PDB file of N, CA and C in Angstrom:
ATOM      1  N   UNK A   1      67.260   0.482 134.826  1.00  0.00           N
ATOM      2  CA  UNK A   1      66.916  -0.511 136.154  1.00  0.00           C
ATOM      3  C   UNK A   1      67.628  -0.969 136.826  1.00  0.00           C
ATOM      4  N   UNK A   2      68.095  -0.893 137.962  1.00  0.00           N
ATOM      5  CA  UNK A   2      69.355  -1.578 138.375  1.00  0.00           C
ATOM      6  C   UNK A   2      69.762  -2.926 137.986  1.00  0.00           C
ATOM      7  N   UNK A   3      70.535  -3.931 137.610  1.00  0.00           N
ATOM      8  CA  UNK A   3      71.091  -4.908 137.398  1.00  0.00           C
ATOM      9  C   UNK A   3      70.667  -6.531 139.036  1.00  0.00           C
ATOM     10  N   UNK A   4      70.823  -5.272 139.783  1.00  0.00           N
ATOM     11  CA  UNK A   4      70.764  -6.491 141.278  1.00  0.00           C
ATOM     12  C   UNK A   4      69.257  -6.734 141.680  1.00  0.00           C
ATOM     13  N   UNK A   5      68.510  -5.651 141.340  1.00  0.00           N
ATOM     14  CA  UNK A   5      66.739  -5.690 141.733  1.00  0.00           C
ATOM     15  C   UNK A   5      66.419  -6.198 140.488  1.00  0.00           C
ATOM     16  N   UNK A   6      67.030  -6.854 139.285  1.00  0.00           N
ATOM     17  CA  UNK A   6      66.160  -7.410 138.443  1.00  0.00           C
ATOM     18  C   UNK A   6      66.724  -8.815 138.667  1.00  0.00           C
ATOM     19  N   UNK A   7      68.472  -9.482 138.829  1.00  0.00           N
ATOM     20  CA  UNK A   7      68.802 -10.192 139.199  1.00  0.00           C
ATOM     21  C   UNK A   7      67.708 -11.228 140.536  1.00  0.00           C
ATOM     22  N   UNK A   8      67.975 -10.129 141.740  1.00  0.00           N
ATOM     23  CA  UNK A   8      67.248 -10.831 142.815  1.00  0.00           C
ATOM     24  C   UNK A   8      65.665 -11.448 142.341  1.00  0.00           C
ATOM     25  N   UNK A   9      65.014 -10.576 141.951  1.00  0.00           N
ATOM     26  CA  UNK A   9      63.819 -10.691 141.065  1.00  0.00           C
ATOM     27  C   UNK A   9      63.261 -11.897 140.799  1.00  0.00           C
ATOM     28  N   UNK A  10      64.528 -12.603 139.388  1.00  0.00           N
ATOM     29  CA  UNK A  10      64.837 -13.370 138.735  1.00  0.00           C
ATOM     30  C   UNK A  10      64.911 -14.989 139.527  1.00  0.00           C
ATOM     31  N   UNK A  11      65.708 -14.349 140.757  1.00  0.00           N
ATOM     32  CA  UNK A  11      66.146 -15.800 141.374  1.00  0.00           C
ATOM     33  C   UNK A  11      64.926 -15.829 142.635  1.00  0.00           C
ATOM     34  N   UNK A  12      64.397 -14.814 142.897  1.00  0.00           N
ATOM     35  CA  UNK A  12      63.196 -15.290 143.868  1.00  0.00           C
ATOM     36  C   UNK A  12      61.998 -16.074 143.206  1.00  0.00           C
ATOM     37  N   UNK A  13      61.788 -15.612 141.247  1.00  0.00           N
ATOM     38  CA  UNK A  13      60.585 -15.975 140.783  1.00  0.00           C
ATOM     39  C   UNK A  13      61.193 -17.105 139.671  1.00  0.00           C
ATOM     40  N   UNK A  14      62.227 -17.459 139.489  1.00  0.00           N
ATOM     41  CA  UNK A  14      62.503 -18.138 138.748  1.00  0.00           C
ATOM     42  C   UNK A  14      61.872 -18.914 138.397  1.00  0.00           C
ATOM     43  N   UNK A  15      61.658 -19.865 139.442  1.00  0.00           N
ATOM     44  CA  UNK A  15      60.824 -20.860 139.229  1.00  0.00           C
ATOM     45  C   UNK A  15      59.345 -20.915 138.062  1.00  0.00           C
ATOM     46  N   UNK A  16      59.026 -19.599 138.195  1.00  0.00           N
ATOM     47  CA  UNK A  16      57.349 -19.363 137.569  1.00  0.00           C
ATOM     48  C   UNK A  16      57.433 -19.290 136.149  1.00  0.00           C
ATOM     49  N   UNK A  17      59.612 -19.081 135.514  1.00  0.00           N
ATOM     50  CA  UNK A  17      59.345 -19.183 134.254  1.00  0.00           C
ATOM     51  C   UNK A  17      59.719 -19.532 133.823  1.00  0.00           C
ATOM     52  N   UNK A  18      59.227 -20.246 132.150  1.00  0.00           N
ATOM     53  CA  UNK A  18      60.676 -21.316 131.720  1.00  0.00           C
ATOM     54  C   UNK A  18      62.031 -20.812 131.321  1.00  0.00           C
ATOM     55  N   UNK A  19      62.778 -21.752 131.519  1.00  0.00           N
ATOM     56  CA  UNK A  19      64.195 -21.564 131.873  1.00  0.00           C
ATOM     57  C   UNK A  19      64.524 -20.957 130.649  1.00  0.00           C
ATOM     58  N   UNK A  20      64.034 -21.016 129.397  1.00  0.00           N
ATOM     59  CA  UNK A  20      64.626 -20.581 128.338  1.00  0.00           C
ATOM     60  C   UNK A  20      64.153 -19.377 128.200  1.00  0.00           C
ATOM     61  N   UNK A  21      63.168 -18.609 128.446  1.00  0.00           N
ATOM     62  CA  UNK A  21      62.606 -17.469 128.603  1.00  0.00           C
ATOM     63  C   UNK A  21      63.449 -16.284 129.720  1.00  0.00           C
ATOM     64  N   UNK A  22      64.722 -16.969 130.767  1.00  0.00           N
ATOM     65  CA  UNK A  22      64.755 -15.983 131.541  1.00  0.00           C
ATOM     66  C   UNK A  22      65.944 -14.808 130.720  1.00  0.00           C
ATOM     67  N   UNK A  23      66.079 -15.489 129.689  1.00  0.00           N
ATOM     68  CA  UNK A  23      67.337 -14.101 129.698  1.00  0.00           C
ATOM     69  C   UNK A  23      66.459 -12.788 128.779  1.00  0.00           C
ATOM     70  N   UNK A  24      65.665 -13.670 128.020  1.00  0.00           N
ATOM     71  CA  UNK A  24      64.282 -12.485 127.485  1.00  0.00           C
ATOM     72  C   UNK A  24      63.879 -11.583 128.273  1.00  0.00           C
ATOM     73  N   UNK A  25      63.442 -12.342 129.414  1.00  0.00           N
ATOM     74  CA  UNK A  25      62.905 -11.810 130.536  1.00  0.00           C
ATOM     75  C   UNK A  25      63.519 -10.661 131.276  1.00  0.00           C
ATOM     76  N   UNK A  26      64.809 -10.660 131.241  1.00  0.00           N
ATOM     77  CA  UNK A  26      65.647 -10.630 132.211  1.00  0.00           C
ATOM     78  C   UNK A  26      66.225  -9.041 131.527  1.00  0.00           C
ATOM     79  N   UNK A  27      65.738  -9.257 129.914  1.00  0.00           N
ATOM     80  CA  UNK A  27      66.559  -8.286 129.402  1.00  0.00           C
ATOM     81  C   UNK A  27      64.877  -6.840 129.257  1.00  0.00           C
ATOM     82  N   UNK A  28      63.809  -7.684 129.030  1.00  0.00           N
ATOM     83  CA  UNK A  28      62.745  -7.172 129.284  1.00  0.00           C
ATOM     84  C   UNK A  28      62.706  -6.086 130.510  1.00  0.00           C
ATOM     85  N   UNK A  29      62.784  -6.860 131.584  1.00  0.00           N
ATOM     86  CA  UNK A  29      62.617  -6.066 132.969  1.00  0.00           C
ATOM     87  C   UNK A  29      64.365  -5.262 132.922  1.00  0.00           C
ATOM     88  N   UNK A  30      64.988  -5.437 132.779  1.00  0.00           N
ATOM     89  CA  UNK A  30      66.062  -4.223 132.032  1.00  0.00           C
ATOM     90  C   UNK A  30      65.353  -2.657 132.150  1.00  0.00           C
ATOM     91  N   UNK A  31      64.701  -2.630 131.002  1.00  0.00           N
ATOM     92  CA  UNK A  31      63.876  -1.155 130.377  1.00  0.00           C
ATOM     93  C   UNK A  31      63.087  -0.735 130.906  1.00  0.00           C
ATOM     94  N   UNK A  32      62.603  -1.216 131.857  1.00  0.00           N
ATOM     95  CA  UNK A  32      61.302  -1.073 132.885  1.00  0.00           C
ATOM     96  C   UNK A  32      61.833   0.025 133.841  1.00  0.00           C
ATOM     97  N   UNK A  33      61.040   1.485 134.392  1.00  0.00           N
ATOM     98  CA  UNK A  33      61.729   2.312 134.396  1.00  0.00           C
ATOM     99  C   UNK A  33      61.424   1.760 136.311  1.00  0.00           C
ATOM    100  N   UNK A  34      61.610   2.531 137.240  1.00  0.00           N
ATOM    101  CA  UNK A  34      61.485   1.845 138.990  1.00  0.00           C
ATOM    102  C   UNK A  34      59.614   1.977 139.092  1.00  0.00           C
ATOM    103  N   UNK A  35      58.613   2.929 138.365  1.00  0.00           N
ATOM    104  CA  UNK A  35      57.791   2.432 138.938  1.00  0.00           C
ATOM    105  C   UNK A  35      57.001   0.968 138.192  1.00  0.00           C
ATOM    106  N   UNK A  36      57.672   0.878 137.045  1.00  0.00           N
ATOM    107  CA  UNK A  36      56.813  -0.026 136.260  1.00  0.00           C
ATOM    108  C   UNK A  36      57.598  -1.305 137.063  1.00  0.00           C
ATOM    109  N   UNK A  37      58.863  -1.147 137.263  1.00  0.00           N
ATOM    110  CA  UNK A  37      59.446  -2.386 138.191  1.00  0.00           C
ATOM    111  C   UNK A  37      58.642  -2.888 138.960  1.00  0.00           C
ATOM    112  N   UNK A  38      58.273  -1.538 139.770  1.00  0.00           N
ATOM    113  CA  UNK A  38      58.106  -1.691 141.239  1.00  0.00           C
ATOM    114  C   UNK A  38      56.292  -2.658 141.464  1.00  0.00           C
ATOM    115  N   UNK A  39      55.648  -2.178 140.153  1.00  0.00           N
ATOM    116  CA  UNK A  39      54.018  -3.070 139.664  1.00  0.00           C
ATOM    117  C   UNK A  39      54.562  -4.511 139.346  1.00  0.00           C
ATOM    118  N   UNK A  40      55.331  -4.579 138.739  1.00  0.00           N
ATOM    119  CA  UNK A  40      56.311  -6.395 138.328  1.00  0.00           C
ATOM    120  C   UNK A  40      56.342  -7.105 139.255  1.00  0.00           C
ATOM    121  N   UNK A  41      57.052  -6.134 140.470  1.00  0.00           N
ATOM    122  CA  UNK A  41      57.097  -6.973 142.019  1.00  0.00           C
ATOM    123  C   UNK A  41      56.239  -7.199 142.451  1.00  0.00           C
ATOM    124  N   UNK A  42      55.046  -6.132 142.734  1.00  0.00           N
ATOM    125  CA  UNK A  42      54.072  -6.845 143.566  1.00  0.00           C
ATOM    126  C   UNK A  42      53.043  -7.308 143.179  1.00  0.00           C
ATOM    127  N   UNK A  43      53.552  -7.846 141.791  1.00  0.00           N
ATOM    128  CA  UNK A  43      52.495  -8.615 141.081  1.00  0.00           C
ATOM    129  C   UNK A  43      52.657 -10.151 141.378  1.00  0.00           C
ATOM    130  N   UNK A  44      51.656 -10.839 142.597  1.00  0.00           N
ATOM    131  CA  UNK A  44      51.717 -12.276 142.873  1.00  0.00           C
ATOM    132  C   UNK A  44      51.453 -13.398 141.673  1.00  0.00           C
ATOM    133  N   UNK A  45      52.498 -14.250 141.692  1.00  0.00           N
ATOM    134  CA  UNK A  45      53.025 -15.375 140.895  1.00  0.00           C
ATOM    135  C   UNK A  45      51.606 -16.441 140.915  1.00  0.00           C
ATOM    136  N   UNK A  46      50.816 -16.860 140.779  1.00  0.00           N
ATOM    137  CA  UNK A  46      50.427 -18.388 141.148  1.00  0.00           C
ATOM    138  C   UNK A  46      50.872 -19.329 140.207  1.00  0.00           C
ATOM    139  N   UNK A  47      50.827 -20.021 141.011  1.00  0.00           N
ATOM    140  CA  UNK A  47      51.696 -21.639 140.817  1.00  0.00           C
ATOM    141  C   UNK A  47      50.640 -22.151 139.779  1.00  0.00           C
ATOM    142  N   UNK A  48      51.270 -22.365 138.589  1.00  0.00           N
ATOM    143  CA  UNK A  48      50.311 -23.015 137.572  1.00  0.00           C
ATOM    144  C   UNK A  48      49.879 -24.080 137.931  1.00  0.00           C
ATOM    145  N   UNK A  49      50.593 -25.140 138.620  1.00  0.00           N
ATOM    146  CA  UNK A  49      50.602 -26.420 138.793  1.00  0.00           C
ATOM    147  C   UNK A  49      49.319 -26.393 139.789  1.00  0.00           C
ATOM    148  N   UNK A  50      48.991 -25.534 140.844  1.00  0.00           N
ATOM    149  CA  UNK A  50      47.532 -25.208 141.636  1.00  0.00           C
ATOM    150  C   UNK A  50      47.104 -24.791 140.683  1.00  0.00           C
ATOM    151  N   UNK A  51      47.258 -23.922 140.033  1.00  0.00           N
ATOM    152  CA  UNK A  51      45.806 -23.029 139.360  1.00  0.00           C
ATOM    153  C   UNK A  51      45.334 -24.715 138.379  1.00  0.00           C
ATOM    154  N   UNK A  52      45.817 -24.998 138.423  1.00  0.00           N
ATOM    155  CA  UNK A  52      45.561 -26.634 137.163  1.00  0.00           C
ATOM    156  C   UNK A  52      44.547 -27.398 138.145  1.00  0.00           C
ATOM    157  N   UNK A  53      45.090 -27.872 139.176  1.00  0.00           N
ATOM    158  CA  UNK A  53      44.631 -28.376 140.100  1.00  0.00           C
ATOM    159  C   UNK A  53      43.006 -27.915 140.395  1.00  0.00           C
ATOM    160  N   UNK A  54      43.512 -26.560 140.957  1.00  0.00           N
ATOM    161  CA  UNK A  54      42.256 -25.634 141.801  1.00  0.00           C
ATOM    162  C   UNK A  54      41.345 -25.832 140.018  1.00  0.00           C
ATOM    163  N   UNK A  55      41.247 -25.382 138.986  1.00  0.00           N
ATOM    164  CA  UNK A  55      40.594 -25.658 138.044  1.00  0.00           C
ATOM    165  C   UNK A  55      39.772 -26.678 137.606  1.00  0.00           C
ATOM    166  N   UNK A  56      40.906 -27.913 137.588  1.00  0.00           N
ATOM    167  CA  UNK A  56      40.255 -29.195 137.319  1.00  0.00           C
ATOM    168  C   UNK A  56      38.671 -29.967 138.456  1.00  0.00           C
ATOM    169  N   UNK A  57      39.334 -29.474 139.666  1.00  0.00           N
ATOM    170  CA  UNK A  57      38.463 -29.759 140.538  1.00  0.00           C
ATOM    171  C   UNK A  57      37.393 -28.625 141.064  1.00  0.00           C
ATOM    172  N   UNK A  58      37.349 -27.519 140.673  1.00  0.00           N
ATOM    173  CA  UNK A  58      36.303 -26.425 141.559  1.00  0.00           C
ATOM    174  C   UNK A  58      36.394 -25.312 139.981  1.00  0.00           C
ATOM    175  N   UNK A  59      36.948 -25.664 138.997  1.00  0.00           N
ATOM    176  CA  UNK A  59      36.690 -24.890 138.420  1.00  0.00           C
ATOM    177  C   UNK A  59      34.942 -24.325 137.684  1.00  0.00           C
ATOM    178  N   UNK A  60      34.347 -25.643 138.084  1.00  0.00           N
ATOM    179  CA  UNK A  60      32.336 -24.859 138.025  1.00  0.00           C
ATOM    180  C   UNK A  60      32.130 -24.230 138.817  1.00  0.00           C
ATOM    181  N   UNK A  61      32.970 -24.730 139.592  1.00  0.00           N
ATOM    182  CA  UNK A  61      32.103 -23.267 141.227  1.00  0.00           C
ATOM    183  C   UNK A  61      33.133 -21.812 140.447  1.00  0.00           C
ATOM    184  N   UNK A  62      34.036 -21.704 139.584  1.00  0.00           N
ATOM    185  CA  UNK A  62      34.685 -20.279 139.437  1.00  0.00           C
ATOM    186  C   UNK A  62      35.645 -20.499 140.330  1.00  0.00           C
ATOM    187  N   UNK A  63      36.246 -21.212 141.324  1.00  0.00           N
ATOM    188  CA  UNK A  63      36.892 -20.698 142.664  1.00  0.00           C
ATOM    189  C   UNK A  63      38.336 -20.559 141.707  1.00  0.00           C
ATOM    190  N   UNK A  64      38.453 -20.864 140.557  1.00  0.00           N
ATOM    191  CA  UNK A  64      39.412 -20.551 139.750  1.00  0.00           C
ATOM    192  C   UNK A  64      40.103 -19.164 139.445  1.00  0.00           C
ATOM    193  N   UNK A  65      38.651 -18.448 139.085  1.00  0.00           N
ATOM    194  CA  UNK A  65      39.106 -17.073 138.835  1.00  0.00           C
ATOM    195  C   UNK A  65      39.118 -16.412 140.037  1.00  0.00           C
ATOM    196  N   UNK A  66      38.182 -16.588 141.195  1.00  0.00           N
ATOM    197  CA  UNK A  66      38.377 -15.967 142.478  1.00  0.00           C
ATOM    198  C   UNK A  66      39.861 -16.039 142.470  1.00  0.00           C
ATOM    199  N   UNK A  67      40.830 -16.976 142.263  1.00  0.00           N
ATOM    200  CA  UNK A  67      41.508 -17.234 142.603  1.00  0.00           C
ATOM    201  C   UNK A  67      42.789 -16.179 141.928  1.00  0.00           C
ATOM    202  N   UNK A  68      42.162 -16.238 140.398  1.00  0.00           N
ATOM    203  CA  UNK A  68      43.053 -14.751 139.341  1.00  0.00           C
ATOM    204  C   UNK A  68      42.665 -13.750 140.131  1.00  0.00           C
ATOM    205  N   UNK A  69      41.655 -13.650 140.867  1.00  0.00           N
ATOM    206  CA  UNK A  69      41.203 -12.056 141.046  1.00  0.00           C
ATOM    207  C   UNK A  69      40.125 -11.367 140.001  1.00  0.00           C
ATOM    208  N   UNK A  70      39.543 -12.106 138.925  1.00  0.00           N
ATOM    209  CA  UNK A  70      38.306 -12.233 138.039  1.00  0.00           C
ATOM    210  C   UNK A  70      37.430 -12.565 138.411  1.00  0.00           C
ATOM    211  N   UNK A  71      36.810 -11.920 139.578  1.00  0.00           N
ATOM    212  CA  UNK A  71      35.353 -11.633 140.577  1.00  0.00           C
ATOM    213  C   UNK A  71      34.709 -11.857 139.207  1.00  0.00           C
ATOM    214  N   UNK A  72      34.017 -11.314 138.450  1.00  0.00           N
ATOM    215  CA  UNK A  72      33.212 -10.821 137.105  1.00  0.00           C
ATOM    216  C   UNK A  72      33.005 -12.465 136.859  1.00  0.00           C
ATOM    217  N   UNK A  73      34.232 -13.252 136.416  1.00  0.00           N
ATOM    218  CA  UNK A  73      33.887 -13.972 135.267  1.00  0.00           C
ATOM    219  C   UNK A  73      33.590 -15.387 136.289  1.00  0.00           C
ATOM    220  N   UNK A  74      34.102 -15.413 138.216  1.00  0.00           N
ATOM    221  CA  UNK A  74      33.887 -16.340 138.709  1.00  0.00           C
ATOM    222  C   UNK A  74      32.404 -16.309 139.285  1.00  0.00           C
ATOM    223  N   UNK A  75      31.922 -15.302 139.592  1.00  0.00           N
ATOM    224  CA  UNK A  75      30.580 -15.091 139.332  1.00  0.00           C
ATOM    225  C   UNK A  75      29.871 -15.614 138.314  1.00  0.00           C
ATOM    226  N   UNK A  76      29.901 -15.659 137.117  1.00  0.00           N
ATOM    227  CA  UNK A  76      29.265 -16.077 135.701  1.00  0.00           C
ATOM    228  C   UNK A  76      29.483 -17.444 135.309  1.00  0.00           C
ATOM    229  N   UNK A  77      31.056 -18.272 136.288  1.00  0.00           N
ATOM    230  CA  UNK A  77      30.811 -19.779 136.102  1.00  0.00           C
ATOM    231  C   UNK A  77      30.156 -20.397 137.168  1.00  0.00           C
ATOM    232  N   UNK A  78      29.938 -19.733 138.091  1.00  0.00           N
ATOM    233  CA  UNK A  78      29.490 -20.078 139.602  1.00  0.00           C
ATOM    234  C   UNK A  78      27.971 -20.466 139.308  1.00  0.00           C
ATOM    235  N   UNK A  79      27.503 -18.743 138.470  1.00  0.00           N
ATOM    236  CA  UNK A  79      26.488 -18.797 138.086  1.00  0.00           C
ATOM    237  C   UNK A  79      25.476 -20.012 137.474  1.00  0.00           C
ATOM    238  N   UNK A  80      26.727 -20.429 135.951  1.00  0.00           N
ATOM    239  CA  UNK A  80      25.776 -20.673 135.115  1.00  0.00           C
ATOM    240  C   UNK A  80      26.855 -22.531 135.135  1.00  0.00           C
ATOM    241  N   UNK A  81      27.481 -23.023 135.992  1.00  0.00           N
ATOM    242  CA  UNK A  81      27.972 -24.002 136.433  1.00  0.00           C
ATOM    243  C   UNK A  81      29.082 -24.270 135.725  1.00  0.00           C
ATOM    244  N   UNK A  82      29.724 -23.300 135.142  1.00  0.00           N
ATOM    245  CA  UNK A  82      30.777 -23.656 134.592  1.00  0.00           C
ATOM    246  C   UNK A  82      30.728 -23.627 133.343  1.00  0.00           C
ATOM    247  N   UNK A  83      29.621 -23.239 132.306  1.00  0.00           N
ATOM    248  CA  UNK A  83      29.525 -23.276 131.248  1.00  0.00           C
ATOM    249  C   UNK A  83      29.789 -21.868 130.092  1.00  0.00           C
ATOM    250  N   UNK A  84      29.895 -20.596 131.110  1.00  0.00           N
ATOM    251  CA  UNK A  84      30.241 -19.577 130.614  1.00  0.00           C
ATOM    252  C   UNK A  84      31.842 -19.560 130.249  1.00  0.00           C
ATOM    253  N   UNK A  85      32.812 -20.188 131.662  1.00  0.00           N
ATOM    254  CA  UNK A  85      34.212 -20.330 130.937  1.00  0.00           C
ATOM    255  C   UNK A  85      34.520 -20.770 130.381  1.00  0.00           C
ATOM    256  N   UNK A  86      34.055 -21.743 130.278  1.00  0.00           N
ATOM    257  CA  UNK A  86      34.437 -22.822 128.866  1.00  0.00           C
ATOM    258  C   UNK A  86      34.394 -21.875 127.664  1.00  0.00           C
ATOM    259  N   UNK A  87      33.107 -21.697 127.622  1.00  0.00           N
ATOM    260  CA  UNK A  87      32.959 -20.523 125.871  1.00  0.00           C
ATOM    261  C   UNK A  87      33.798 -19.371 125.926  1.00  0.00           C
ATOM    262  N   UNK A  88      34.648 -18.702 127.230  1.00  0.00           N
ATOM    263  CA  UNK A  88      35.516 -17.548 127.039  1.00  0.00           C
ATOM    264  C   UNK A  88      37.185 -17.868 127.302  1.00  0.00           C
ATOM    265  N   UNK A  89      37.654 -19.371 127.637  1.00  0.00           N
ATOM    266  CA  UNK A  89      38.505 -19.869 127.261  1.00  0.00           C
ATOM    267  C   UNK A  89      39.007 -19.617 126.004  1.00  0.00           C
TER     268      UNK A  89
END
């Protein structure tokens, strides 16, 4: 993997990762081939703060699971009033 692509990815998304893990993450990203790196790059990173707030206020409706792309879990949480989601955590 090209180091400039990895460095650009880390500069763009660095705030989403713990600072102490950046060096390890960089090493792991450098070992990926181009198709694997493209898959990582295309993954949308959710803000942990936003997800926490949504989970606290709308978690019983399954909104947090829908935002993560887990439609099945979102429907189960919606139908059970959030009870299924607390068991699965």
